[in-house]
Amino acid sequence: MKTTVETMDNGQKKVINPCAEPCLVERGMRVLGGKWKASILWHLQDGPVRFNDLVRMLGGASKKMVDQRLKELETQGLVTRHVINDRPIAVSYAITDFGRTALNILDQLKDWAEEHSI
């Protein structure tokens, strides 16, 4: 239901259908809205990418930041981590089927930003 604000007869404001918990948009933004998360998913859409290559693709994100975001995305079930080699450690990341469900949203966001020169 939509949340609205109404003015009562005495001039006070009353919220109709307030959110008791974060709304669906907010919950979605918590998953996709973290810095670099959407970009990581976008770069994984064509297939698995090794960690260092992903850092290079993002251009500007530190390795620590990318590692942190990948761990969050993995915990949320949006990406999977695959160990290629133990010594030296080499890993790649791939988008999951669940992660792919976000790509349409990201594509629309990209189009919107392009259309409005953002």
PDB file of N, CA and C in Angstrom:
ATOM      1  N   MET A   1       0.832  -1.173   0.000  1.00  0.00           N
ATOM      2  CA  MET A   1       0.000   0.000   0.000  1.00  0.00           C
ATOM      3  C   MET A   1       0.881   1.243   0.000  1.00  0.00           C
ATOM      4  N   LYS A   2       0.385   2.304  -0.554  1.00  0.00           N
ATOM      5  CA  LYS A   2       1.142   3.533  -0.673  1.00  0.00           C
ATOM      6  C   LYS A   2       1.027   4.355   0.609  1.00  0.00           C
ATOM      7  N   THR A   3       2.153   4.928   1.030  1.00  0.00           N
ATOM      8  CA  THR A   3       2.182   5.787   2.198  1.00  0.00           C
ATOM      9  C   THR A   3       1.829   7.206   1.781  1.00  0.00           C
ATOM     10  N   THR A   4       0.924   7.824   2.519  1.00  0.00           N
ATOM     11  CA  THR A   4       0.533   9.200   2.228  1.00  0.00           C
ATOM     12  C   THR A   4       0.492  10.004   3.529  1.00  0.00           C
ATOM     13  N   VAL A   5       0.487  11.314   3.382  1.00  0.00           N
ATOM     14  CA  VAL A   5       0.362  12.211   4.528  1.00  0.00           C
ATOM     15  C   VAL A   5      -0.908  13.035   4.327  1.00  0.00           C
ATOM     16  N   GLU A   6      -1.762  13.025   5.323  1.00  0.00           N
ATOM     17  CA  GLU A   6      -3.007  13.794   5.248  1.00  0.00           C
ATOM     18  C   GLU A   6      -3.021  14.834   6.360  1.00  0.00           C
ATOM     19  N   THR A   7      -3.644  15.968   6.070  1.00  0.00           N
ATOM     20  CA  THR A   7      -3.812  17.009   7.079  1.00  0.00           C
ATOM     21  C   THR A   7      -5.175  16.829   7.728  1.00  0.00           C
ATOM     22  N   MET A   8      -5.168  16.733   9.036  1.00  0.00           N
ATOM     23  CA  MET A   8      -6.407  16.545   9.787  1.00  0.00           C
ATOM     24  C   MET A   8      -7.097  17.898   9.972  1.00  0.00           C
ATOM     25  N   ASP A   9      -8.339  17.882  10.455  1.00  0.00           N
ATOM     26  CA  ASP A   9      -9.124  19.100  10.655  1.00  0.00           C
ATOM     27  C   ASP A   9      -8.424  20.093  11.585  1.00  0.00           C
ATOM     28  N   ASN A  10      -7.679  19.597  12.565  1.00  0.00           N
ATOM     29  CA  ASN A  10      -6.998  20.480  13.518  1.00  0.00           C
ATOM     30  C   ASN A  10      -5.642  20.984  12.981  1.00  0.00           C
ATOM     31  N   GLY A  11      -5.309  20.635  11.728  1.00  0.00           N
ATOM     32  CA  GLY A  11      -4.078  21.113  11.106  1.00  0.00           C
ATOM     33  C   GLY A  11      -2.884  20.193  11.278  1.00  0.00           C
ATOM     34  N   GLN A  12      -3.027  19.191  12.126  1.00  0.00           N
ATOM     35  CA  GLN A  12      -1.922  18.249  12.317  1.00  0.00           C
ATOM     36  C   GLN A  12      -1.841  17.303  11.131  1.00  0.00           C
ATOM     37  N   LYS A  13      -0.644  16.812  10.901  1.00  0.00           N
ATOM     38  CA  LYS A  13      -0.415  15.865   9.809  1.00  0.00           C
ATOM     39  C   LYS A  13      -0.468  14.450  10.356  1.00  0.00           C
ATOM     40  N   LYS A  14      -1.015  13.555   9.538  1.00  0.00           N
ATOM     41  CA  LYS A  14      -1.123  12.152   9.927  1.00  0.00           C
ATOM     42  C   LYS A  14      -0.628  11.304   8.757  1.00  0.00           C
ATOM     43  N   VAL A  15       0.229  10.325   9.060  1.00  0.00           N
ATOM     44  CA  VAL A  15       0.760   9.434   8.036  1.00  0.00           C
ATOM     45  C   VAL A  15      -0.179   8.237   7.904  1.00  0.00           C
ATOM     46  N   ILE A  16      -0.604   7.977   6.684  1.00  0.00           N
ATOM     47  CA  ILE A  16      -1.478   6.846   6.391  1.00  0.00           C
ATOM     48  C   ILE A  16      -0.617   5.737   5.786  1.00  0.00           C
ATOM     49  N   ASN A  17      -0.722   4.545   6.315  1.00  0.00           N
ATOM     50  CA  ASN A  17       0.053   3.376   5.891  1.00  0.00           C
ATOM     51  C   ASN A  17       1.570   3.593   5.997  1.00  0.00           C
ATOM     52  N   PRO A  18       2.050   3.985   7.198  1.00  0.00           N
ATOM     53  CA  PRO A  18       3.495   4.191   7.336  1.00  0.00           C
ATOM     54  C   PRO A  18       4.253   2.875   7.182  1.00  0.00           C
ATOM     55  N   CYS A  19       5.477   2.991   6.736  1.00  0.00           N
ATOM     56  CA  CYS A  19       6.329   1.805   6.605  1.00  0.00           C
ATOM     57  C   CYS A  19       6.795   1.392   7.996  1.00  0.00           C
ATOM     58  N   ALA A  20       6.477   0.178   8.380  1.00  0.00           N
ATOM     59  CA  ALA A  20       6.913  -0.338   9.670  1.00  0.00           C
ATOM     60  C   ALA A  20       8.352  -0.850   9.577  1.00  0.00           C
ATOM     61  N   GLU A  21       8.789  -1.109   8.387  1.00  0.00           N
ATOM     62  CA  GLU A  21      10.141  -1.599   8.127  1.00  0.00           C
ATOM     63  C   GLU A  21      10.580  -0.958   6.818  1.00  0.00           C
ATOM     64  N   PRO A  22      11.821  -1.111   6.428  1.00  0.00           N
ATOM     65  CA  PRO A  22      12.231  -0.514   5.152  1.00  0.00           C
ATOM     66  C   PRO A  22      11.340  -0.989   4.007  1.00  0.00           C
ATOM     67  N   CYS A  23      10.953  -0.041   3.156  1.00  0.00           N
ATOM     68  CA  CYS A  23      10.092  -0.381   2.028  1.00  0.00           C
ATOM     69  C   CYS A  23      10.857  -1.232   1.017  1.00  0.00           C
ATOM     70  N   LEU A  24      10.139  -1.766   0.065  1.00  0.00           N
ATOM     71  CA  LEU A  24      10.748  -2.660  -0.917  1.00  0.00           C
ATOM     72  C   LEU A  24      11.852  -1.980  -1.724  1.00  0.00           C
ATOM     73  N   VAL A  25      11.652  -0.709  -2.079  1.00  0.00           N
ATOM     74  CA  VAL A  25      12.685   0.005  -2.831  1.00  0.00           C
ATOM     75  C   VAL A  25      13.951   0.122  -1.991  1.00  0.00           C
ATOM     76  N   GLU A  26      13.787   0.475  -0.726  1.00  0.00           N
ATOM     77  CA  GLU A  26      14.943   0.593   0.170  1.00  0.00           C
ATOM     78  C   GLU A  26      15.651  -0.748   0.339  1.00  0.00           C
ATOM     79  N   ARG A  27      14.891  -1.814   0.491  1.00  0.00           N
ATOM     80  CA  ARG A  27      15.509  -3.133   0.643  1.00  0.00           C
ATOM     81  C   ARG A  27      16.274  -3.515  -0.612  1.00  0.00           C
ATOM     82  N   GLY A  28      15.704  -3.202  -1.785  1.00  0.00           N
ATOM     83  CA  GLY A  28      16.406  -3.477  -3.036  1.00  0.00           C
ATOM     84  C   GLY A  28      17.675  -2.660  -3.161  1.00  0.00           C
ATOM     85  N   MET A  29      17.616  -1.392  -2.755  1.00  0.00           N
ATOM     86  CA  MET A  29      18.796  -0.530  -2.821  1.00  0.00           C
ATOM     87  C   MET A  29      19.877  -0.992  -1.858  1.00  0.00           C
ATOM     88  N   ARG A  30      19.495  -1.588  -0.762  1.00  0.00           N
ATOM     89  CA  ARG A  30      20.495  -2.116   0.170  1.00  0.00           C
ATOM     90  C   ARG A  30      21.288  -3.250  -0.461  1.00  0.00           C
ATOM     91  N   VAL A  31      20.649  -3.988  -1.338  1.00  0.00           N
ATOM     92  CA  VAL A  31      21.331  -5.088  -2.017  1.00  0.00           C
ATOM     93  C   VAL A  31      22.180  -4.568  -3.175  1.00  0.00           C
ATOM     94  N   LEU A  32      21.607  -3.731  -4.020  1.00  0.00           N
ATOM     95  CA  LEU A  32      22.293  -3.286  -5.234  1.00  0.00           C
ATOM     96  C   LEU A  32      22.973  -1.930  -5.110  1.00  0.00           C
ATOM     97  N   GLY A  33      22.608  -1.155  -4.095  1.00  0.00           N
ATOM     98  CA  GLY A  33      23.056   0.221  -4.035  1.00  0.00           C
ATOM     99  C   GLY A  33      24.397   0.478  -3.394  1.00  0.00           C
ATOM    100  N   GLY A  34      25.028  -0.532  -2.824  1.00  0.00           N
ATOM    101  CA  GLY A  34      26.343  -0.312  -2.232  1.00  0.00           C
ATOM    102  C   GLY A  34      27.356   0.075  -3.294  1.00  0.00           C
ATOM    103  N   LYS A  35      28.325   0.889  -2.902  1.00  0.00           N
ATOM    104  CA  LYS A  35      29.315   1.363  -3.858  1.00  0.00           C
ATOM    105  C   LYS A  35      29.993   0.196  -4.554  1.00  0.00           C
ATOM    106  N   TRP A  36      29.985   0.207  -5.874  1.00  0.00           N
ATOM    107  CA  TRP A  36      30.605  -0.750  -6.784  1.00  0.00           C
ATOM    108  C   TRP A  36      29.803  -2.029  -6.991  1.00  0.00           C
ATOM    109  N   LYS A  37      28.774  -2.295  -6.202  1.00  0.00           N
ATOM    110  CA  LYS A  37      28.042  -3.557  -6.333  1.00  0.00           C
ATOM    111  C   LYS A  37      27.411  -3.720  -7.710  1.00  0.00           C
ATOM    112  N   ALA A  38      26.688  -2.713  -8.157  1.00  0.00           N
ATOM    113  CA  ALA A  38      26.028  -2.800  -9.452  1.00  0.00           C
ATOM    114  C   ALA A  38      27.048  -2.941 -10.573  1.00  0.00           C
ATOM    115  N   SER A  39      28.147  -2.197 -10.471  1.00  0.00           N
ATOM    116  CA  SER A  39      29.196  -2.278 -11.496  1.00  0.00           C
ATOM    117  C   SER A  39      29.829  -3.662 -11.535  1.00  0.00           C
ATOM    118  N   ILE A  40      30.017  -4.255 -10.380  1.00  0.00           N
ATOM    119  CA  ILE A  40      30.582  -5.610 -10.327  1.00  0.00           C
ATOM    120  C   ILE A  40      29.646  -6.577 -11.042  1.00  0.00           C
ATOM    121  N   LEU A  41      28.365  -6.532 -10.715  1.00  0.00           N
ATOM    122  CA  LEU A  41      27.404  -7.417 -11.378  1.00  0.00           C
ATOM    123  C   LEU A  41      27.412  -7.184 -12.885  1.00  0.00           C
ATOM    124  N   TRP A  42      27.466  -5.928 -13.285  1.00  0.00           N
ATOM    125  CA  TRP A  42      27.454  -5.577 -14.708  1.00  0.00           C
ATOM    126  C   TRP A  42      28.649  -6.206 -15.430  1.00  0.00           C
ATOM    127  N   HIS A  43      29.823  -6.152 -14.812  1.00  0.00           N
ATOM    128  CA  HIS A  43      31.031  -6.687 -15.434  1.00  0.00           C
ATOM    129  C   HIS A  43      31.076  -8.216 -15.438  1.00  0.00           C
ATOM    130  N   LEU A  44      30.274  -8.839 -14.608  1.00  0.00           N
ATOM    131  CA  LEU A  44      30.259 -10.307 -14.555  1.00  0.00           C
ATOM    132  C   LEU A  44      29.215 -10.922 -15.485  1.00  0.00           C
ATOM    133  N   GLN A  45      28.434 -10.102 -16.155  1.00  0.00           N
ATOM    134  CA  GLN A  45      27.317 -10.637 -16.940  1.00  0.00           C
ATOM    135  C   GLN A  45      27.750 -11.499 -18.121  1.00  0.00           C
ATOM    136  N   ASP A  46      28.950 -11.303 -18.649  1.00  0.00           N
ATOM    137  CA  ASP A  46      29.387 -12.074 -19.822  1.00  0.00           C
ATOM    138  C   ASP A  46      30.189 -13.327 -19.474  1.00  0.00           C
ATOM    139  N   GLY A  47      30.395 -13.571 -18.193  1.00  0.00           N
ATOM    140  CA  GLY A  47      31.117 -14.769 -17.789  1.00  0.00           C
ATOM    141  C   GLY A  47      32.031 -14.482 -16.614  1.00  0.00           C
ATOM    142  N   PRO A  48      32.624 -15.532 -16.057  1.00  0.00           N
ATOM    143  CA  PRO A  48      33.496 -15.376 -14.888  1.00  0.00           C
ATOM    144  C   PRO A  48      34.670 -14.435 -15.183  1.00  0.00           C
ATOM    145  N   VAL A  49      35.054 -13.708 -14.141  1.00  0.00           N
ATOM    146  CA  VAL A  49      36.169 -12.767 -14.251  1.00  0.00           C
ATOM    147  C   VAL A  49      37.082 -12.979 -13.049  1.00  0.00           C
ATOM    148  N   ARG A  50      38.387 -13.007 -13.316  1.00  0.00           N
ATOM    149  CA  ARG A  50      39.355 -13.134 -12.234  1.00  0.00           C
ATOM    150  C   ARG A  50      39.383 -11.849 -11.424  1.00  0.00           C
ATOM    151  N   PHE A  51      39.739 -11.991 -10.153  1.00  0.00           N
ATOM    152  CA  PHE A  51      39.684 -10.866  -9.214  1.00  0.00           C
ATOM    153  C   PHE A  51      40.462  -9.646  -9.714  1.00  0.00           C
ATOM    154  N   ASN A  52      41.739  -9.826 -10.044  1.00  0.00           N
ATOM    155  CA  ASN A  52      42.548  -8.677 -10.462  1.00  0.00           C
ATOM    156  C   ASN A  52      42.024  -8.040 -11.742  1.00  0.00           C
ATOM    157  N   ASP A  53      41.496  -8.852 -12.641  1.00  0.00           N
ATOM    158  CA  ASP A  53      40.911  -8.296 -13.866  1.00  0.00           C
ATOM    159  C   ASP A  53      39.680  -7.460 -13.543  1.00  0.00           C
ATOM    160  N   LEU A  54      38.892  -7.917 -12.585  1.00  0.00           N
ATOM    161  CA  LEU A  54      37.701  -7.185 -12.176  1.00  0.00           C
ATOM    162  C   LEU A  54      38.095  -5.833 -11.573  1.00  0.00           C
ATOM    163  N   VAL A  55      39.126  -5.833 -10.746  1.00  0.00           N
ATOM    164  CA  VAL A  55      39.607  -4.576 -10.158  1.00  0.00           C
ATOM    165  C   VAL A  55      40.009  -3.609 -11.265  1.00  0.00           C
ATOM    166  N   ARG A  56      40.724  -4.117 -12.281  1.00  0.00           N
ATOM    167  CA  ARG A  56      41.136  -3.274 -13.403  1.00  0.00           C
ATOM    168  C   ARG A  56      39.920  -2.739 -14.175  1.00  0.00           C
ATOM    169  N   MET A  57      38.912  -3.581 -14.359  1.00  0.00           N
ATOM    170  CA  MET A  57      37.713  -3.182 -15.096  1.00  0.00           C
ATOM    171  C   MET A  57      36.969  -2.056 -14.384  1.00  0.00           C
ATOM    172  N   LEU A  58      36.999  -2.066 -13.063  1.00  0.00           N
ATOM    173  CA  LEU A  58      36.256  -1.078 -12.298  1.00  0.00           C
ATOM    174  C   LEU A  58      36.954   0.274 -12.286  1.00  0.00           C
ATOM    175  N   GLY A  59      38.247   0.309 -12.487  1.00  0.00           N
ATOM    176  CA  GLY A  59      38.988   1.557 -12.602  1.00  0.00           C
ATOM    177  C   GLY A  59      38.685   2.576 -11.526  1.00  0.00           C
ATOM    178  N   GLY A  60      39.345   2.499 -10.420  1.00  0.00           N
ATOM    179  CA  GLY A  60      39.139   3.471  -9.353  1.00  0.00           C
ATOM    180  C   GLY A  60      38.779   2.826  -8.034  1.00  0.00           C
ATOM    181  N   ALA A  61      38.351   1.606  -8.070  1.00  0.00           N
ATOM    182  CA  ALA A  61      38.020   0.891  -6.833  1.00  0.00           C
ATOM    183  C   ALA A  61      39.280   0.209  -6.313  1.00  0.00           C
ATOM    184  N   SER A  62      39.506   0.312  -5.026  1.00  0.00           N
ATOM    185  CA  SER A  62      40.660  -0.358  -4.435  1.00  0.00           C
ATOM    186  C   SER A  62      40.395  -1.858  -4.348  1.00  0.00           C
ATOM    187  N   LYS A  63      41.463  -2.631  -4.256  1.00  0.00           N
ATOM    188  CA  LYS A  63      41.317  -4.087  -4.117  1.00  0.00           C
ATOM    189  C   LYS A  63      40.536  -4.422  -2.850  1.00  0.00           C
ATOM    190  N   LYS A  64      40.801  -3.686  -1.795  1.00  0.00           N
ATOM    191  CA  LYS A  64      40.100  -3.922  -0.530  1.00  0.00           C
ATOM    192  C   LYS A  64      38.594  -3.696  -0.691  1.00  0.00           C
ATOM    193  N   MET A  65      38.229  -2.617  -1.378  1.00  0.00           N
ATOM    194  CA  MET A  65      36.814  -2.300  -1.586  1.00  0.00           C
ATOM    195  C   MET A  65      36.134  -3.365  -2.444  1.00  0.00           C
ATOM    196  N   VAL A  66      36.805  -3.771  -3.525  1.00  0.00           N
ATOM    197  CA  VAL A  66      36.238  -4.792  -4.409  1.00  0.00           C
ATOM    198  C   VAL A  66      36.072  -6.101  -3.650  1.00  0.00           C
ATOM    199  N   ASP A  67      37.086  -6.472  -2.870  1.00  0.00           N
ATOM    200  CA  ASP A  67      37.011  -7.700  -2.078  1.00  0.00           C
ATOM    201  C   ASP A  67      35.834  -7.649  -1.109  1.00  0.00           C
ATOM    202  N   GLN A  68      35.665  -6.525  -0.447  1.00  0.00           N
ATOM    203  CA  GLN A  68      34.565  -6.367   0.507  1.00  0.00           C
ATOM    204  C   GLN A  68      33.209  -6.483  -0.194  1.00  0.00           C
ATOM    205  N   ARG A  69      33.052  -5.817  -1.322  1.00  0.00           N
ATOM    206  CA  ARG A  69      31.781  -5.863  -2.048  1.00  0.00           C
ATOM    207  C   ARG A  69      31.508  -7.258  -2.607  1.00  0.00           C
ATOM    208  N   LEU A  70      32.539  -7.936  -3.085  1.00  0.00           N
ATOM    209  CA  LEU A  70      32.357  -9.297  -3.586  1.00  0.00           C
ATOM    210  C   LEU A  70      31.904 -10.234  -2.472  1.00  0.00           C
ATOM    211  N   LYS A  71      32.456 -10.064  -1.291  1.00  0.00           N
ATOM    212  CA  LYS A  71      32.034 -10.890  -0.152  1.00  0.00           C
ATOM    213  C   LYS A  71      30.565 -10.638   0.170  1.00  0.00           C
ATOM    214  N   GLU A  72      30.150  -9.374   0.123  1.00  0.00           N
ATOM    215  CA  GLU A  72      28.743  -9.049   0.377  1.00  0.00           C
ATOM    216  C   GLU A  72      27.845  -9.670  -0.692  1.00  0.00           C
ATOM    217  N   LEU A  73      28.242  -9.521  -1.948  1.00  0.00           N
ATOM    218  CA  LEU A  73      27.450 -10.080  -3.052  1.00  0.00           C
ATOM    219  C   LEU A  73      27.386 -11.602  -2.968  1.00  0.00           C
ATOM    220  N   GLU A  74      28.486 -12.220  -2.542  1.00  0.00           N
ATOM    221  CA  GLU A  74      28.505 -13.679  -2.383  1.00  0.00           C
ATOM    222  C   GLU A  74      27.572 -14.103  -1.250  1.00  0.00           C
ATOM    223  N   THR A  75      27.604 -13.393  -0.151  1.00  0.00           N
ATOM    224  CA  THR A  75      26.722 -13.689   0.981  1.00  0.00           C
ATOM    225  C   THR A  75      25.261 -13.544   0.588  1.00  0.00           C
ATOM    226  N   GLN A  76      24.973 -12.563  -0.268  1.00  0.00           N
ATOM    227  CA  GLN A  76      23.600 -12.318  -0.710  1.00  0.00           C
ATOM    228  C   GLN A  76      23.164 -13.275  -1.818  1.00  0.00           C
ATOM    229  N   GLY A  77      24.092 -14.112  -2.297  1.00  0.00           N
ATOM    230  CA  GLY A  77      23.752 -15.094  -3.322  1.00  0.00           C
ATOM    231  C   GLY A  77      23.752 -14.555  -4.743  1.00  0.00           C
ATOM    232  N   LEU A  78      24.378 -13.386  -4.946  1.00  0.00           N
ATOM    233  CA  LEU A  78      24.391 -12.773  -6.274  1.00  0.00           C
ATOM    234  C   LEU A  78      25.602 -13.191  -7.114  1.00  0.00           C
ATOM    235  N   VAL A  79      26.689 -13.584  -6.456  1.00  0.00           N
ATOM    236  CA  VAL A  79      27.879 -14.052  -7.170  1.00  0.00           C
ATOM    237  C   VAL A  79      28.422 -15.297  -6.477  1.00  0.00           C
ATOM    238  N   THR A  80      29.218 -16.041  -7.227  1.00  0.00           N
ATOM    239  CA  THR A  80      29.912 -17.197  -6.654  1.00  0.00           C
ATOM    240  C   THR A  80      31.411 -16.993  -6.833  1.00  0.00           C
ATOM    241  N   ARG A  81      32.168 -17.562  -5.925  1.00  0.00           N
ATOM    242  CA  ARG A  81      33.625 -17.476  -5.929  1.00  0.00           C
ATOM    243  C   ARG A  81      34.185 -18.847  -6.259  1.00  0.00           C
ATOM    244  N   HIS A  82      35.139 -18.890  -7.184  1.00  0.00           N
ATOM    245  CA  HIS A  82      35.755 -20.151  -7.581  1.00  0.00           C
ATOM    246  C   HIS A  82      37.272 -20.021  -7.452  1.00  0.00           C
ATOM    247  N   VAL A  83      37.877 -20.888  -6.649  1.00  0.00           N
ATOM    248  CA  VAL A  83      39.335 -20.874  -6.484  1.00  0.00           C
ATOM    249  C   VAL A  83      39.957 -21.616  -7.664  1.00  0.00           C
ATOM    250  N   ILE A  84      40.793 -20.901  -8.409  1.00  0.00           N
ATOM    251  CA  ILE A  84      41.457 -21.474  -9.577  1.00  0.00           C
ATOM    252  C   ILE A  84      42.756 -22.150  -9.174  1.00  0.00           C
ATOM    253  N   ASN A  85      43.487 -21.502  -8.272  1.00  0.00           N
ATOM    254  CA  ASN A  85      44.801 -21.982  -7.864  1.00  0.00           C
ATOM    255  C   ASN A  85      45.032 -21.596  -6.408  1.00  0.00           C
ATOM    256  N   ASP A  86      45.691 -22.501  -5.649  1.00  0.00           N
ATOM    257  CA  ASP A  86      45.976 -22.215  -4.246  1.00  0.00           C
ATOM    258  C   ASP A  86      47.266 -21.434  -4.044  1.00  0.00           C
ATOM    259  N   ARG A  87      48.291 -21.757  -4.808  1.00  0.00           N
ATOM    260  CA  ARG A  87      49.616 -21.133  -4.652  1.00  0.00           C
ATOM    261  C   ARG A  87      50.124 -20.637  -5.980  1.00  0.00           C
ATOM    262  N   PRO A  88      50.211 -19.403  -6.258  1.00  0.00           N
ATOM    263  CA  PRO A  88      49.599 -18.306  -5.514  1.00  0.00           C
ATOM    264  C   PRO A  88      48.083 -18.341  -5.707  1.00  0.00           C
ATOM    265  N   ILE A  89      47.393 -17.733  -4.764  1.00  0.00           N
ATOM    266  CA  ILE A  89      45.932 -17.764  -4.802  1.00  0.00           C
ATOM    267  C   ILE A  89      45.413 -17.043  -6.051  1.00  0.00           C
ATOM    268  N   ALA A  90      44.514 -17.675  -6.722  1.00  0.00           N
ATOM    269  CA  ALA A  90      43.858 -17.084  -7.889  1.00  0.00           C
ATOM    270  C   ALA A  90      42.391 -17.476  -7.833  1.00  0.00           C
ATOM    271  N   VAL A  91      41.514 -16.486  -7.900  1.00  0.00           N
ATOM    272  CA  VAL A  91      40.078 -16.752  -7.837  1.00  0.00           C
ATOM    273  C   VAL A  91      39.359 -16.022  -8.965  1.00  0.00           C
ATOM    274  N   SER A  92      38.213 -16.568  -9.329  1.00  0.00           N
ATOM    275  CA  SER A  92      37.351 -15.875 -10.284  1.00  0.00           C
ATOM    276  C   SER A  92      35.961 -15.789  -9.674  1.00  0.00           C
ATOM    277  N   TYR A  93      35.201 -14.854 -10.184  1.00  0.00           N
ATOM    278  CA  TYR A  93      33.844 -14.637  -9.702  1.00  0.00           C
ATOM    279  C   TYR A  93      32.882 -14.725 -10.871  1.00  0.00           C
ATOM    280  N   ALA A  94      31.707 -15.270 -10.594  1.00  0.00           N
ATOM    281  CA  ALA A  94      30.681 -15.413 -11.627  1.00  0.00           C
ATOM    282  C   ALA A  94      29.353 -14.958 -11.038  1.00  0.00           C
ATOM    283  N   ILE A  95      28.517 -14.427 -11.886  1.00  0.00           N
ATOM    284  CA  ILE A  95      27.184 -14.004 -11.465  1.00  0.00           C
ATOM    285  C   ILE A  95      26.285 -15.238 -11.385  1.00  0.00           C
ATOM    286  N   THR A  96      25.424 -15.281 -10.384  1.00  0.00           N
ATOM    287  CA  THR A  96      24.500 -16.402 -10.226  1.00  0.00           C
ATOM    288  C   THR A  96      23.216 -16.114 -11.011  1.00  0.00           C
ATOM    289  N   ASP A  97      22.359 -17.114 -11.088  1.00  0.00           N
ATOM    290  CA  ASP A  97      21.055 -16.906 -11.728  1.00  0.00           C
ATOM    291  C   ASP A  97      20.275 -15.809 -10.998  1.00  0.00           C
ATOM    292  N   PHE A  98      20.365 -15.813  -9.677  1.00  0.00           N
ATOM    293  CA  PHE A  98      19.711 -14.776  -8.892  1.00  0.00           C
ATOM    294  C   PHE A  98      20.313 -13.405  -9.221  1.00  0.00           C
ATOM    295  N   GLY A  99      21.627 -13.332  -9.341  1.00  0.00           N
ATOM    296  CA  GLY A  99      22.293 -12.084  -9.705  1.00  0.00           C
ATOM    297  C   GLY A  99      21.858 -11.586 -11.074  1.00  0.00           C
ATOM    298  N   ARG A 100      21.636 -12.512 -11.981  1.00  0.00           N
ATOM    299  CA  ARG A 100      21.202 -12.136 -13.336  1.00  0.00           C
ATOM    300  C   ARG A 100      19.839 -11.453 -13.333  1.00  0.00           C
ATOM    301  N   THR A 101      19.029 -11.731 -12.326  1.00  0.00           N
ATOM    302  CA  THR A 101      17.714 -11.094 -12.264  1.00  0.00           C
ATOM    303  C   THR A 101      17.832  -9.586 -12.061  1.00  0.00           C
ATOM    304  N   ALA A 102      18.969  -9.113 -11.587  1.00  0.00           N
ATOM    305  CA  ALA A 102      19.183  -7.676 -11.380  1.00  0.00           C
ATOM    306  C   ALA A 102      19.667  -6.975 -12.646  1.00  0.00           C
ATOM    307  N   LEU A 103      20.131  -7.714 -13.634  1.00  0.00           N
ATOM    308  CA  LEU A 103      20.712  -7.099 -14.826  1.00  0.00           C
ATOM    309  C   LEU A 103      19.715  -6.254 -15.607  1.00  0.00           C
ATOM    310  N   ASN A 104      18.458  -6.674 -15.652  1.00  0.00           N
ATOM    311  CA  ASN A 104      17.445  -5.880 -16.355  1.00  0.00           C
ATOM    312  C   ASN A 104      17.275  -4.515 -15.689  1.00  0.00           C
ATOM    313  N   ILE A 105      17.274  -4.508 -14.367  1.00  0.00           N
ATOM    314  CA  ILE A 105      17.167  -3.255 -13.619  1.00  0.00           C
ATOM    315  C   ILE A 105      18.375  -2.371 -13.917  1.00  0.00           C
ATOM    316  N   LEU A 106      19.554  -2.960 -13.909  1.00  0.00           N
ATOM    317  CA  LEU A 106      20.774  -2.190 -14.172  1.00  0.00           C
ATOM    318  C   LEU A 106      20.800  -1.671 -15.599  1.00  0.00           C
ATOM    319  N   ASP A 107      20.293  -2.450 -16.532  1.00  0.00           N
ATOM    320  CA  ASP A 107      20.223  -2.011 -17.919  1.00  0.00           C
ATOM    321  C   ASP A 107      19.287  -0.810 -18.046  1.00  0.00           C
ATOM    322  N   GLN A 108      18.158  -0.864 -17.368  1.00  0.00           N
ATOM    323  CA  GLN A 108      17.222   0.258 -17.386  1.00  0.00           C
ATOM    324  C   GLN A 108      17.845   1.494 -16.729  1.00  0.00           C
ATOM    325  N   LEU A 109      18.589   1.294 -15.653  1.00  0.00           N
ATOM    326  CA  LEU A 109      19.265   2.404 -14.987  1.00  0.00           C
ATOM    327  C   LEU A 109      20.305   3.029 -15.909  1.00  0.00           C
ATOM    328  N   LYS A 110      21.048   2.200 -16.624  1.00  0.00           N
ATOM    329  CA  LYS A 110      22.043   2.679 -17.585  1.00  0.00           C
ATOM    330  C   LYS A 110      21.363   3.508 -18.677  1.00  0.00           C
ATOM    331  N   ASP A 111      20.266   2.999 -19.210  1.00  0.00           N
ATOM    332  CA  ASP A 111      19.529   3.714 -20.249  1.00  0.00           C
ATOM    333  C   ASP A 111      18.990   5.046 -19.725  1.00  0.00           C
ATOM    334  N   TRP A 112      18.468   5.054 -18.530  1.00  0.00           N
ATOM    335  CA  TRP A 112      17.930   6.258 -17.918  1.00  0.00           C
ATOM    336  C   TRP A 112      19.033   7.307 -17.757  1.00  0.00           C
ATOM    337  N   ALA A 113      20.201   6.881 -17.250  1.00  0.00           N
ATOM    338  CA  ALA A 113      21.323   7.805 -17.061  1.00  0.00           C
ATOM    339  C   ALA A 113      21.800   8.362 -18.397  1.00  0.00           C
ATOM    340  N   GLU A 114      21.836   7.499 -19.402  1.00  0.00           N
ATOM    341  CA  GLU A 114      22.268   7.937 -20.736  1.00  0.00           C
ATOM    342  C   GLU A 114      21.246   8.925 -21.339  1.00  0.00           C
ATOM    343  N   GLU A 115      19.978   8.614 -21.208  1.00  0.00           N
ATOM    344  CA  GLU A 115      18.920   9.455 -21.769  1.00  0.00           C
ATOM    345  C   GLU A 115      18.919  10.856 -21.164  1.00  0.00           C
ATOM    346  N   HIS A 116      19.260  10.949 -19.874  1.00  0.00           N
ATOM    347  CA  HIS A 116      19.222  12.220 -19.174  1.00  0.00           C
ATOM    348  C   HIS A 116      20.608  12.829 -18.971  1.00  0.00           C
ATOM    349  N   SER A 117      21.602  12.274 -19.658  1.00  0.00           N
ATOM    350  CA  SER A 117      22.987  12.776 -19.592  1.00  0.00           C
ATOM    351  C   SER A 117      23.487  12.921 -18.160  1.00  0.00           C
ATOM    352  N   ILE A 118      23.219  11.901 -17.379  1.00  0.00           N
ATOM    353  CA  ILE A 118      23.648  11.910 -15.972  1.00  0.00           C
ATOM    354  C   ILE A 118      25.055  11.360 -15.872  1.00  0.00           C
TER     355      ILE A 118
END
